[in-house]
Amino acid sequence: VRAGSELIALPVAALQRLRAATAGQIQSADGQLTFVTDEGTRPAVY
């Protein structure tokens, strides 16, 4: 995966699913990022 200009490797065994976030699904509240979907709001970390 790419974070900024850097390529980083994530072990596949630790992953559950990859999704594309559309504009508006990533929000910020009190300095904490969140991922908002129809299933609910989840904390997010960049």
ModelCIF file with pLDDT and N, C-alpha, C, O atoms, coordinates in Angstrom:
data_MODEL
#
_entry.id   MODEL 
#
_entity.id                         1 
_entity.type                       polymer 
_entity.pdbx_number_of_molecules   1 
#
_entity_poly.entity_id                      1 
_entity_poly.type                           'polypeptide(L)' 
_entity_poly.nstd_linkage                   no 
_entity_poly.nstd_monomer                   no 
_entity_poly.pdbx_seq_one_letter_code       VRAGSELIALPVAALQRLRAATAGQIQSADGQLTFVTDEGTRPAVY 
_entity_poly.pdbx_seq_one_letter_code_can   VRAGSELIALPVAALQRLRAATAGQIQSADGQLTFVTDEGTRPAVY 
_entity_poly.pdbx_strand_id                 A 
#
loop_
_entity_poly_seq.entity_id 
_entity_poly_seq.num 
_entity_poly_seq.mon_id 
_entity_poly_seq.hetero 
1 1  VAL n 
1 2  ARG n 
1 3  ALA n 
1 4  GLY n 
1 5  SER n 
1 6  GLU n 
1 7  LEU n 
1 8  ILE n 
1 9  ALA n 
1 10 LEU n 
1 11 PRO n 
1 12 VAL n 
1 13 ALA n 
1 14 ALA n 
1 15 LEU n 
1 16 GLN n 
1 17 ARG n 
1 18 LEU n 
1 19 ARG n 
1 20 ALA n 
1 21 ALA n 
1 22 THR n 
1 23 ALA n 
1 24 GLY n 
1 25 GLN n 
1 26 ILE n 
1 27 GLN n 
1 28 SER n 
1 29 ALA n 
1 30 ASP n 
1 31 GLY n 
1 32 GLN n 
1 33 LEU n 
1 34 THR n 
1 35 PHE n 
1 36 VAL n 
1 37 THR n 
1 38 ASP n 
1 39 GLU n 
1 40 GLY n 
1 41 THR n 
1 42 ARG n 
1 43 PRO n 
1 44 ALA n 
1 45 VAL n 
1 46 TYR n 
#
_struct_asym.id          A 
_struct_asym.entity_id   1 
#
loop_
_ma_qa_metric.id 
_ma_qa_metric.mode 
_ma_qa_metric.name 
_ma_qa_metric.software_group_id 
_ma_qa_metric.type 
1 global pLDDT . pLDDT 
2 local  pLDDT . pLDDT 
#
_ma_qa_metric_global.metric_id      1 
_ma_qa_metric_global.metric_value   87.87 
_ma_qa_metric_global.model_id       1 
_ma_qa_metric_global.ordinal_id     1 
#
loop_
_ma_qa_metric_local.label_asym_id 
_ma_qa_metric_local.label_comp_id 
_ma_qa_metric_local.label_seq_id 
_ma_qa_metric_local.metric_id 
_ma_qa_metric_local.metric_value 
_ma_qa_metric_local.model_id 
_ma_qa_metric_local.ordinal_id 
A VAL 1  2 94.00 1 1  
A ARG 2  2 91.00 1 2  
A ALA 3  2 89.00 1 3  
A GLY 4  2 84.00 1 4  
A SER 5  2 84.00 1 5  
A GLU 6  2 88.00 1 6  
A LEU 7  2 91.00 1 7  
A ILE 8  2 93.00 1 8  
A ALA 9  2 93.00 1 9  
A LEU 10 2 93.00 1 10 
A PRO 11 2 89.00 1 11 
A VAL 12 2 88.00 1 12 
A ALA 13 2 82.00 1 13 
A ALA 14 2 85.00 1 14 
A LEU 15 2 89.00 1 15 
A GLN 16 2 88.00 1 16 
A ARG 17 2 91.00 1 17 
A LEU 18 2 93.00 1 18 
A ARG 19 2 92.00 1 19 
A ALA 20 2 93.00 1 20 
A ALA 21 2 90.00 1 21 
A THR 22 2 84.00 1 22 
A ALA 23 2 75.00 1 23 
A GLY 24 2 84.00 1 24 
A GLN 25 2 88.00 1 25 
A ILE 26 2 88.00 1 26 
A GLN 27 2 88.00 1 27 
A SER 28 2 86.00 1 28 
A ALA 29 2 80.00 1 29 
A ASP 30 2 78.00 1 30 
A GLY 31 2 77.00 1 31 
A GLN 32 2 86.00 1 32 
A LEU 33 2 88.00 1 33 
A THR 34 2 89.00 1 34 
A PHE 35 2 90.00 1 35 
A VAL 36 2 89.00 1 36 
A THR 37 2 88.00 1 37 
A ASP 38 2 85.00 1 38 
A GLU 39 2 86.00 1 39 
A GLY 40 2 88.00 1 40 
A THR 41 2 90.00 1 41 
A ARG 42 2 91.00 1 42 
A PRO 43 2 90.00 1 43 
A ALA 44 2 91.00 1 44 
A VAL 45 2 91.00 1 45 
A TYR 46 2 92.00 1 46 
#
loop_
_atom_site.group_PDB 
_atom_site.id 
_atom_site.type_symbol 
_atom_site.label_atom_id 
_atom_site.label_alt_id 
_atom_site.label_comp_id 
_atom_site.label_asym_id 
_atom_site.label_entity_id 
_atom_site.label_seq_id 
_atom_site.pdbx_PDB_ins_code 
_atom_site.Cartn_x 
_atom_site.Cartn_y 
_atom_site.Cartn_z 
_atom_site.occupancy 
_atom_site.B_iso_or_equiv 
_atom_site.pdbx_formal_charge 
_atom_site.auth_seq_id 
_atom_site.auth_comp_id 
_atom_site.auth_asym_id 
_atom_site.auth_atom_id 
_atom_site.pdbx_PDB_model_num 
ATOM 1   N N  . VAL A 1 1  ? 0.853   -1.183  0.000  1.00 94.00 ? 1  VAL A N  1 
ATOM 2   C CA . VAL A 1 1  ? 0.000   0.000   0.000  1.00 94.00 ? 1  VAL A CA 1 
ATOM 3   C C  . VAL A 1 1  ? 0.890   1.234   0.000  1.00 94.00 ? 1  VAL A C  1 
ATOM 4   O O  . VAL A 1 1  ? 2.073   1.172   0.336  1.00 94.00 ? 1  VAL A O  1 
ATOM 5   N N  . ARG A 1 2  ? 0.300   2.343   -0.381 1.00 91.00 ? 2  ARG A N  1 
ATOM 6   C CA . ARG A 1 2  ? 1.060   3.594   -0.407 1.00 91.00 ? 2  ARG A CA 1 
ATOM 7   C C  . ARG A 1 2  ? 0.515   4.547   0.634  1.00 91.00 ? 2  ARG A C  1 
ATOM 8   O O  . ARG A 1 2  ? -0.686  4.810   0.705  1.00 91.00 ? 2  ARG A O  1 
ATOM 9   N N  . ALA A 1 3  ? 1.443   5.062   1.451  1.00 89.00 ? 3  ALA A N  1 
ATOM 10  C CA . ALA A 1 3  ? 1.116   6.093   2.434  1.00 89.00 ? 3  ALA A CA 1 
ATOM 11  C C  . ALA A 1 3  ? 1.986   7.302   2.118  1.00 89.00 ? 3  ALA A C  1 
ATOM 12  O O  . ALA A 1 3  ? 3.192   7.290   2.363  1.00 89.00 ? 3  ALA A O  1 
ATOM 13  N N  . GLY A 1 4  ? 1.371   8.336   1.578  1.00 84.00 ? 4  GLY A N  1 
ATOM 14  C CA . GLY A 1 4  ? 2.169   9.430   1.059  1.00 84.00 ? 4  GLY A CA 1 
ATOM 15  C C  . GLY A 1 4  ? 2.937   8.929   -0.148 1.00 84.00 ? 4  GLY A C  1 
ATOM 16  O O  . GLY A 1 4  ? 2.345   8.381   -1.078 1.00 84.00 ? 4  GLY A O  1 
ATOM 17  N N  . SER A 1 5  ? 4.249   9.113   -0.144 1.00 84.00 ? 5  SER A N  1 
ATOM 18  C CA . SER A 1 5  ? 5.077   8.637   -1.258 1.00 84.00 ? 5  SER A CA 1 
ATOM 19  C C  . SER A 1 5  ? 5.742   7.304   -0.955 1.00 84.00 ? 5  SER A C  1 
ATOM 20  O O  . SER A 1 5  ? 6.509   6.795   -1.773 1.00 84.00 ? 5  SER A O  1 
ATOM 21  N N  . GLU A 1 6  ? 5.455   6.724   0.225  1.00 88.00 ? 6  GLU A N  1 
ATOM 22  C CA . GLU A 1 6  ? 6.138   5.507   0.654  1.00 88.00 ? 6  GLU A CA 1 
ATOM 23  C C  . GLU A 1 6  ? 5.301   4.258   0.388  1.00 88.00 ? 6  GLU A C  1 
ATOM 24  O O  . GLU A 1 6  ? 4.083   4.261   0.564  1.00 88.00 ? 6  GLU A O  1 
ATOM 25  N N  . LEU A 1 7  ? 5.978   3.188   -0.039 1.00 91.00 ? 7  LEU A N  1 
ATOM 26  C CA . LEU A 1 7  ? 5.349   1.881   -0.174 1.00 91.00 ? 7  LEU A CA 1 
ATOM 27  C C  . LEU A 1 7  ? 5.534   1.108   1.128  1.00 91.00 ? 7  LEU A C  1 
ATOM 28  O O  . LEU A 1 7  ? 6.651   0.970   1.626  1.00 91.00 ? 7  LEU A O  1 
ATOM 29  N N  . ILE A 1 8  ? 4.436   0.610   1.670  1.00 93.00 ? 8  ILE A N  1 
ATOM 30  C CA . ILE A 1 8  ? 4.454   -0.122  2.936  1.00 93.00 ? 8  ILE A CA 1 
ATOM 31  C C  . ILE A 1 8  ? 3.800   -1.481  2.704  1.00 93.00 ? 8  ILE A C  1 
ATOM 32  O O  . ILE A 1 8  ? 2.826   -1.590  1.959  1.00 93.00 ? 8  ILE A O  1 
ATOM 33  N N  . ALA A 1 9  ? 4.338   -2.512  3.343  1.00 93.00 ? 9  ALA A N  1 
ATOM 34  C CA . ALA A 1 9  ? 3.800   -3.860  3.206  1.00 93.00 ? 9  ALA A CA 1 
ATOM 35  C C  . ALA A 1 9  ? 2.978   -4.225  4.442  1.00 93.00 ? 9  ALA A C  1 
ATOM 36  O O  . ALA A 1 9  ? 3.410   -4.013  5.575  1.00 93.00 ? 9  ALA A O  1 
ATOM 37  N N  . LEU A 1 10 ? 1.780   -4.781  4.203  1.00 93.00 ? 10 LEU A N  1 
ATOM 38  C CA . LEU A 1 10 ? 0.903   -5.253  5.273  1.00 93.00 ? 10 LEU A CA 1 
ATOM 39  C C  . LEU A 1 10 ? 0.722   -6.765  5.120  1.00 93.00 ? 10 LEU A C  1 
ATOM 40  O O  . LEU A 1 10 ? 0.418   -7.224  4.019  1.00 93.00 ? 10 LEU A O  1 
ATOM 41  N N  . PRO A 1 11 ? 0.898   -7.553  6.182  1.00 89.00 ? 11 PRO A N  1 
ATOM 42  C CA . PRO A 1 11 ? 0.664   -8.997  6.081  1.00 89.00 ? 11 PRO A CA 1 
ATOM 43  C C  . PRO A 1 11 ? -0.790  -9.286  5.720  1.00 89.00 ? 11 PRO A C  1 
ATOM 44  O O  . PRO A 1 11 ? -1.705  -8.782  6.371  1.00 89.00 ? 11 PRO A O  1 
ATOM 45  N N  . VAL A 1 12 ? -1.000  -10.087 4.694  1.00 88.00 ? 12 VAL A N  1 
ATOM 46  C CA . VAL A 1 12 ? -2.359  -10.388 4.244  1.00 88.00 ? 12 VAL A CA 1 
ATOM 47  C C  . VAL A 1 12 ? -3.151  -11.094 5.339  1.00 88.00 ? 12 VAL A C  1 
ATOM 48  O O  . VAL A 1 12 ? -4.362  -10.903 5.450  1.00 88.00 ? 12 VAL A O  1 
ATOM 49  N N  . ALA A 1 13 ? -2.473  -11.912 6.152  1.00 82.00 ? 13 ALA A N  1 
ATOM 50  C CA . ALA A 1 13 ? -3.166  -12.680 7.186  1.00 82.00 ? 13 ALA A CA 1 
ATOM 51  C C  . ALA A 1 13 ? -3.857  -11.783 8.208  1.00 82.00 ? 13 ALA A C  1 
ATOM 52  O O  . ALA A 1 13 ? -4.801  -12.219 8.866  1.00 82.00 ? 13 ALA A O  1 
ATOM 53  N N  . ALA A 1 14 ? -3.402  -10.531 8.355  1.00 85.00 ? 14 ALA A N  1 
ATOM 54  C CA . ALA A 1 14 ? -3.989  -9.623  9.335  1.00 85.00 ? 14 ALA A CA 1 
ATOM 55  C C  . ALA A 1 14 ? -5.174  -8.834  8.771  1.00 85.00 ? 14 ALA A C  1 
ATOM 56  O O  . ALA A 1 14 ? -5.864  -8.136  9.514  1.00 85.00 ? 14 ALA A O  1 
ATOM 57  N N  . LEU A 1 15 ? -5.409  -8.944  7.465  1.00 89.00 ? 15 LEU A N  1 
ATOM 58  C CA . LEU A 1 15 ? -6.429  -8.126  6.818  1.00 89.00 ? 15 LEU A CA 1 
ATOM 59  C C  . LEU A 1 15 ? -7.746  -8.894  6.680  1.00 89.00 ? 15 LEU A C  1 
ATOM 60  O O  . LEU A 1 15 ? -7.763  -10.113 6.505  1.00 89.00 ? 15 LEU A O  1 
ATOM 61  N N  . GLN A 1 16 ? -8.841  -8.146  6.764  1.00 88.00 ? 16 GLN A N  1 
ATOM 62  C CA . GLN A 1 16 ? -10.158 -8.741  6.604  1.00 88.00 ? 16 GLN A CA 1 
ATOM 63  C C  . GLN A 1 16 ? -10.812 -8.331  5.290  1.00 88.00 ? 16 GLN A C  1 
ATOM 64  O O  . GLN A 1 16 ? -11.424 -9.149  4.602  1.00 88.00 ? 16 GLN A O  1 
ATOM 65  N N  . ARG A 1 17 ? -10.672 -7.046  4.952  1.00 91.00 ? 17 ARG A N  1 
ATOM 66  C CA . ARG A 1 17 ? -11.304 -6.553  3.723  1.00 91.00 ? 17 ARG A CA 1 
ATOM 67  C C  . ARG A 1 17 ? -10.669 -5.239  3.311  1.00 91.00 ? 17 ARG A C  1 
ATOM 68  O O  . ARG A 1 17 ? -10.227 -4.458  4.154  1.00 91.00 ? 17 ARG A O  1 
ATOM 69  N N  . LEU A 1 18 ? -10.627 -5.004  2.015  1.00 93.00 ? 18 LEU A N  1 
ATOM 70  C CA . LEU A 1 18 ? -10.178 -3.726  1.454  1.00 93.00 ? 18 LEU A CA 1 
ATOM 71  C C  . LEU A 1 18 ? -11.368 -3.046  0.796  1.00 93.00 ? 18 LEU A C  1 
ATOM 72  O O  . LEU A 1 18 ? -12.119 -3.670  0.047  1.00 93.00 ? 18 LEU A O  1 
ATOM 73  N N  . ARG A 1 19 ? -11.531 -1.763  1.082  1.00 92.00 ? 19 ARG A N  1 
ATOM 74  C CA . ARG A 1 19 ? -12.656 -1.013  0.529  1.00 92.00 ? 19 ARG A CA 1 
ATOM 75  C C  . ARG A 1 19 ? -12.165 0.344   0.028  1.00 92.00 ? 19 ARG A C  1 
ATOM 76  O O  . ARG A 1 19 ? -11.152 0.873   0.486  1.00 92.00 ? 19 ARG A O  1 
ATOM 77  N N  . ALA A 1 20 ? -12.911 0.880   -0.916 1.00 93.00 ? 20 ALA A N  1 
ATOM 78  C CA . ALA A 1 20 ? -12.633 2.236   -1.400 1.00 93.00 ? 20 ALA A CA 1 
ATOM 79  C C  . ALA A 1 20 ? -13.604 3.193   -0.730 1.00 93.00 ? 20 ALA A C  1 
ATOM 80  O O  . ALA A 1 20 ? -14.817 2.983   -0.763 1.00 93.00 ? 20 ALA A O  1 
ATOM 81  N N  . ALA A 1 21 ? -13.069 4.242   -0.122 1.00 90.00 ? 21 ALA A N  1 
ATOM 82  C CA . ALA A 1 21 ? -13.914 5.250   0.534  1.00 90.00 ? 21 ALA A CA 1 
ATOM 83  C C  . ALA A 1 21 ? -14.193 6.382   -0.447 1.00 90.00 ? 21 ALA A C  1 
ATOM 84  O O  . ALA A 1 21 ? -13.277 6.939   -1.052 1.00 90.00 ? 21 ALA A O  1 
ATOM 85  N N  . THR A 1 22 ? -15.438 6.702   -0.588 1.00 84.00 ? 22 THR A N  1 
ATOM 86  C CA . THR A 1 22 ? -15.815 7.810   -1.463 1.00 84.00 ? 22 THR A CA 1 
ATOM 87  C C  . THR A 1 22 ? -15.719 9.124   -0.702 1.00 84.00 ? 22 THR A C  1 
ATOM 88  O O  . THR A 1 22 ? -15.628 9.139   0.525  1.00 84.00 ? 22 THR A O  1 
ATOM 89  N N  . ALA A 1 23 ? -15.742 10.212  -1.434 1.00 75.00 ? 23 ALA A N  1 
ATOM 90  C CA . ALA A 1 23 ? -15.698 11.533  -0.808 1.00 75.00 ? 23 ALA A CA 1 
ATOM 91  C C  . ALA A 1 23 ? -16.872 11.672  0.151  1.00 75.00 ? 23 ALA A C  1 
ATOM 92  O O  . ALA A 1 23 ? -18.017 11.399  -0.208 1.00 75.00 ? 23 ALA A O  1 
ATOM 93  N N  . GLY A 1 24 ? -16.579 12.094  1.356  1.00 84.00 ? 24 GLY A N  1 
ATOM 94  C CA . GLY A 1 24 ? -17.615 12.268  2.367  1.00 84.00 ? 24 GLY A CA 1 
ATOM 95  C C  . GLY A 1 24 ? -17.672 11.143  3.379  1.00 84.00 ? 24 GLY A C  1 
ATOM 96  O O  . GLY A 1 24 ? -18.233 11.317  4.461  1.00 84.00 ? 24 GLY A O  1 
ATOM 97  N N  . GLN A 1 25 ? -17.097 9.979   3.049  1.00 88.00 ? 25 GLN A N  1 
ATOM 98  C CA . GLN A 1 25 ? -17.107 8.887   4.014  1.00 88.00 ? 25 GLN A CA 1 
ATOM 99  C C  . GLN A 1 25 ? -16.041 9.049   5.093  1.00 88.00 ? 25 GLN A C  1 
ATOM 100 O O  . GLN A 1 25 ? -16.176 8.508   6.190  1.00 88.00 ? 25 GLN A O  1 
ATOM 101 N N  . ILE A 1 26 ? -14.987 9.790   4.780  1.00 88.00 ? 26 ILE A N  1 
ATOM 102 C CA . ILE A 1 26 ? -13.956 10.062  5.775  1.00 88.00 ? 26 ILE A CA 1 
ATOM 103 C C  . ILE A 1 26 ? -14.248 11.419  6.396  1.00 88.00 ? 26 ILE A C  1 
ATOM 104 O O  . ILE A 1 26 ? -14.257 12.438  5.705  1.00 88.00 ? 26 ILE A O  1 
ATOM 105 N N  . GLN A 1 27 ? -14.483 11.426  7.690  1.00 88.00 ? 27 GLN A N  1 
ATOM 106 C CA . GLN A 1 27 ? -14.807 12.647  8.408  1.00 88.00 ? 27 GLN A CA 1 
ATOM 107 C C  . GLN A 1 27 ? -13.897 12.798  9.613  1.00 88.00 ? 27 GLN A C  1 
ATOM 108 O O  . GLN A 1 27 ? -13.168 11.878  9.986  1.00 88.00 ? 27 GLN A O  1 
ATOM 109 N N  . SER A 1 28 ? -13.957 13.981  10.215 1.00 86.00 ? 28 SER A N  1 
ATOM 110 C CA . SER A 1 28 ? -13.118 14.271  11.375 1.00 86.00 ? 28 SER A CA 1 
ATOM 111 C C  . SER A 1 28 ? -13.971 14.880  12.473 1.00 86.00 ? 28 SER A C  1 
ATOM 112 O O  . SER A 1 28 ? -14.743 15.810  12.241 1.00 86.00 ? 28 SER A O  1 
ATOM 113 N N  . ALA A 1 29 ? -13.814 14.337  13.677 1.00 80.00 ? 29 ALA A N  1 
ATOM 114 C CA . ALA A 1 29 ? -14.537 14.862  14.838 1.00 80.00 ? 29 ALA A CA 1 
ATOM 115 C C  . ALA A 1 29 ? -13.591 14.898  16.023 1.00 80.00 ? 29 ALA A C  1 
ATOM 116 O O  . ALA A 1 29 ? -13.060 13.870  16.442 1.00 80.00 ? 29 ALA A O  1 
ATOM 117 N N  . ASP A 1 30 ? -13.384 16.100  16.559 1.00 78.00 ? 30 ASP A N  1 
ATOM 118 C CA . ASP A 1 30 ? -12.475 16.285  17.701 1.00 78.00 ? 30 ASP A CA 1 
ATOM 119 C C  . ASP A 1 30 ? -11.073 15.753  17.399 1.00 78.00 ? 30 ASP A C  1 
ATOM 120 O O  . ASP A 1 30 ? -10.412 15.175  18.262 1.00 78.00 ? 30 ASP A O  1 
ATOM 121 N N  . GLY A 1 31 ? -10.644 15.958  16.175 1.00 77.00 ? 31 GLY A N  1 
ATOM 122 C CA . GLY A 1 31 ? -9.292  15.545  15.798 1.00 77.00 ? 31 GLY A CA 1 
ATOM 123 C C  . GLY A 1 31 ? -9.150  14.074  15.473 1.00 77.00 ? 31 GLY A C  1 
ATOM 124 O O  . GLY A 1 31 ? -8.052  13.627  15.140 1.00 77.00 ? 31 GLY A O  1 
ATOM 125 N N  . GLN A 1 32 ? -10.238 13.297  15.558 1.00 86.00 ? 32 GLN A N  1 
ATOM 126 C CA . GLN A 1 32 ? -10.200 11.866  15.270 1.00 86.00 ? 32 GLN A CA 1 
ATOM 127 C C  . GLN A 1 32 ? -10.910 11.570  13.962 1.00 86.00 ? 32 GLN A C  1 
ATOM 128 O O  . GLN A 1 32 ? -12.065 11.953  13.774 1.00 86.00 ? 32 GLN A O  1 
ATOM 129 N N  . LEU A 1 33 ? -10.220 10.888  13.059 1.00 88.00 ? 33 LEU A N  1 
ATOM 130 C CA . LEU A 1 33 ? -10.821 10.511  11.794 1.00 88.00 ? 33 LEU A CA 1 
ATOM 131 C C  . LEU A 1 33 ? -11.831 9.388   12.002 1.00 88.00 ? 33 LEU A C  1 
ATOM 132 O O  . LEU A 1 33 ? -11.662 8.540   12.878 1.00 88.00 ? 33 LEU A O  1 
ATOM 133 N N  . THR A 1 34 ? -12.876 9.395   11.189 1.00 89.00 ? 34 THR A N  1 
ATOM 134 C CA . THR A 1 34 ? -13.866 8.328   11.228 1.00 89.00 ? 34 THR A CA 1 
ATOM 135 C C  . THR A 1 34 ? -14.212 7.902   9.815  1.00 89.00 ? 34 THR A C  1 
ATOM 136 O O  . THR A 1 34 ? -14.070 8.673   8.865  1.00 89.00 ? 34 THR A O  1 
ATOM 137 N N  . PHE A 1 35 ? -14.667 6.668   9.689  1.00 90.00 ? 35 PHE A N  1 
ATOM 138 C CA . PHE A 1 35 ? -15.110 6.104   8.425  1.00 90.00 ? 35 PHE A CA 1 
ATOM 139 C C  . PHE A 1 35 ? -16.605 5.838   8.561  1.00 90.00 ? 35 PHE A C  1 
ATOM 140 O O  . PHE A 1 35 ? -17.026 5.000   9.360  1.00 90.00 ? 35 PHE A O  1 
ATOM 141 N N  . VAL A 1 36 ? -17.399 6.554   7.779  1.00 89.00 ? 36 VAL A N  1 
ATOM 142 C CA . VAL A 1 36 ? -18.854 6.521   7.915  1.00 89.00 ? 36 VAL A CA 1 
ATOM 143 C C  . VAL A 1 36 ? -19.460 5.714   6.764  1.00 89.00 ? 36 VAL A C  1 
ATOM 144 O O  . VAL A 1 36 ? -19.221 6.004   5.592  1.00 89.00 ? 36 VAL A O  1 
ATOM 145 N N  . THR A 1 37 ? -20.251 4.692   7.123  1.00 88.00 ? 37 THR A N  1 
ATOM 146 C CA . THR A 1 37 ? -20.959 3.888   6.135  1.00 88.00 ? 37 THR A CA 1 
ATOM 147 C C  . THR A 1 37 ? -22.392 3.680   6.609  1.00 88.00 ? 37 THR A C  1 
ATOM 148 O O  . THR A 1 37 ? -22.769 4.133   7.690  1.00 88.00 ? 37 THR A O  1 
ATOM 149 N N  . ASP A 1 38 ? -23.174 3.005   5.807  1.00 85.00 ? 38 ASP A N  1 
ATOM 150 C CA . ASP A 1 38 ? -24.542 2.671   6.203  1.00 85.00 ? 38 ASP A CA 1 
ATOM 151 C C  . ASP A 1 38 ? -24.559 1.724   7.403  1.00 85.00 ? 38 ASP A C  1 
ATOM 152 O O  . ASP A 1 38 ? -25.564 1.624   8.107  1.00 85.00 ? 38 ASP A O  1 
ATOM 153 N N  . GLU A 1 39 ? -23.442 1.032   7.632  1.00 86.00 ? 39 GLU A N  1 
ATOM 154 C CA . GLU A 1 39 ? -23.359 0.090   8.751  1.00 86.00 ? 39 GLU A CA 1 
ATOM 155 C C  . GLU A 1 39 ? -23.024 0.787   10.058 1.00 86.00 ? 39 GLU A C  1 
ATOM 156 O O  . GLU A 1 39 ? -23.150 0.197   11.131 1.00 86.00 ? 39 GLU A O  1 
ATOM 157 N N  . GLY A 1 40 ? -22.593 2.053   9.971  1.00 88.00 ? 40 GLY A N  1 
ATOM 158 C CA . GLY A 1 40 ? -22.231 2.788   11.181 1.00 88.00 ? 40 GLY A CA 1 
ATOM 159 C C  . GLY A 1 40 ? -20.954 3.569   10.997 1.00 88.00 ? 40 GLY A C  1 
ATOM 160 O O  . GLY A 1 40 ? -20.399 3.634   9.901  1.00 88.00 ? 40 GLY A O  1 
ATOM 161 N N  . THR A 1 41 ? -20.495 4.160   12.082 1.00 90.00 ? 41 THR A N  1 
ATOM 162 C CA . THR A 1 41 ? -19.281 4.985   12.074 1.00 90.00 ? 41 THR A CA 1 
ATOM 163 C C  . THR A 1 41 ? -18.173 4.267   12.835 1.00 90.00 ? 41 THR A C  1 
ATOM 164 O O  . THR A 1 41 ? -18.372 3.804   13.958 1.00 90.00 ? 41 THR A O  1 
ATOM 165 N N  . ARG A 1 42 ? -17.014 4.183   12.210 1.00 91.00 ? 42 ARG A N  1 
ATOM 166 C CA . ARG A 1 42 ? -15.890 3.476   12.819 1.00 91.00 ? 42 ARG A CA 1 
ATOM 167 C C  . ARG A 1 42 ? -14.687 4.396   12.933 1.00 91.00 ? 42 ARG A C  1 
ATOM 168 O O  . ARG A 1 42 ? -14.468 5.222   12.047 1.00 91.00 ? 42 ARG A O  1 
ATOM 169 N N  . PRO A 1 43 ? -13.900 4.277   14.000 1.00 90.00 ? 43 PRO A N  1 
ATOM 170 C CA . PRO A 1 43 ? -12.667 5.071   14.104 1.00 90.00 ? 43 PRO A CA 1 
ATOM 171 C C  . PRO A 1 43 ? -11.736 4.727   12.948 1.00 90.00 ? 43 PRO A C  1 
ATOM 172 O O  . PRO A 1 43 ? -11.708 3.592   12.474 1.00 90.00 ? 43 PRO A O  1 
ATOM 173 N N  . ALA A 1 44 ? -10.980 5.716   12.504 1.00 91.00 ? 44 ALA A N  1 
ATOM 174 C CA . ALA A 1 44 ? -10.059 5.518   11.387 1.00 91.00 ? 44 ALA A CA 1 
ATOM 175 C C  . ALA A 1 44 ? -8.702  6.130   11.721 1.00 91.00 ? 44 ALA A C  1 
ATOM 176 O O  . ALA A 1 44 ? -8.613  7.145   12.412 1.00 91.00 ? 44 ALA A O  1 
ATOM 177 N N  . VAL A 1 45 ? -7.663  5.498   11.220 1.00 91.00 ? 45 VAL A N  1 
ATOM 178 C CA . VAL A 1 45 ? -6.290  5.967   11.450 1.00 91.00 ? 45 VAL A CA 1 
ATOM 179 C C  . VAL A 1 45 ? -5.570  5.978   10.106 1.00 91.00 ? 45 VAL A C  1 
ATOM 180 O O  . VAL A 1 45 ? -5.622  5.000   9.359  1.00 91.00 ? 45 VAL A O  1 
ATOM 181 N N  . TYR A 1 46 ? -4.902  7.084   9.802  1.00 92.00 ? 46 TYR A N  1 
ATOM 182 C CA . TYR A 1 46 ? -4.148  7.189   8.554  1.00 92.00 ? 46 TYR A CA 1 
ATOM 183 C C  . TYR A 1 46 ? -2.747  6.625   8.768  1.00 92.00 ? 46 TYR A C  1 
ATOM 184 O O  . TYR A 1 46 ? -1.938  6.615   7.840  1.00 92.00 ? 46 TYR A O  1 
#
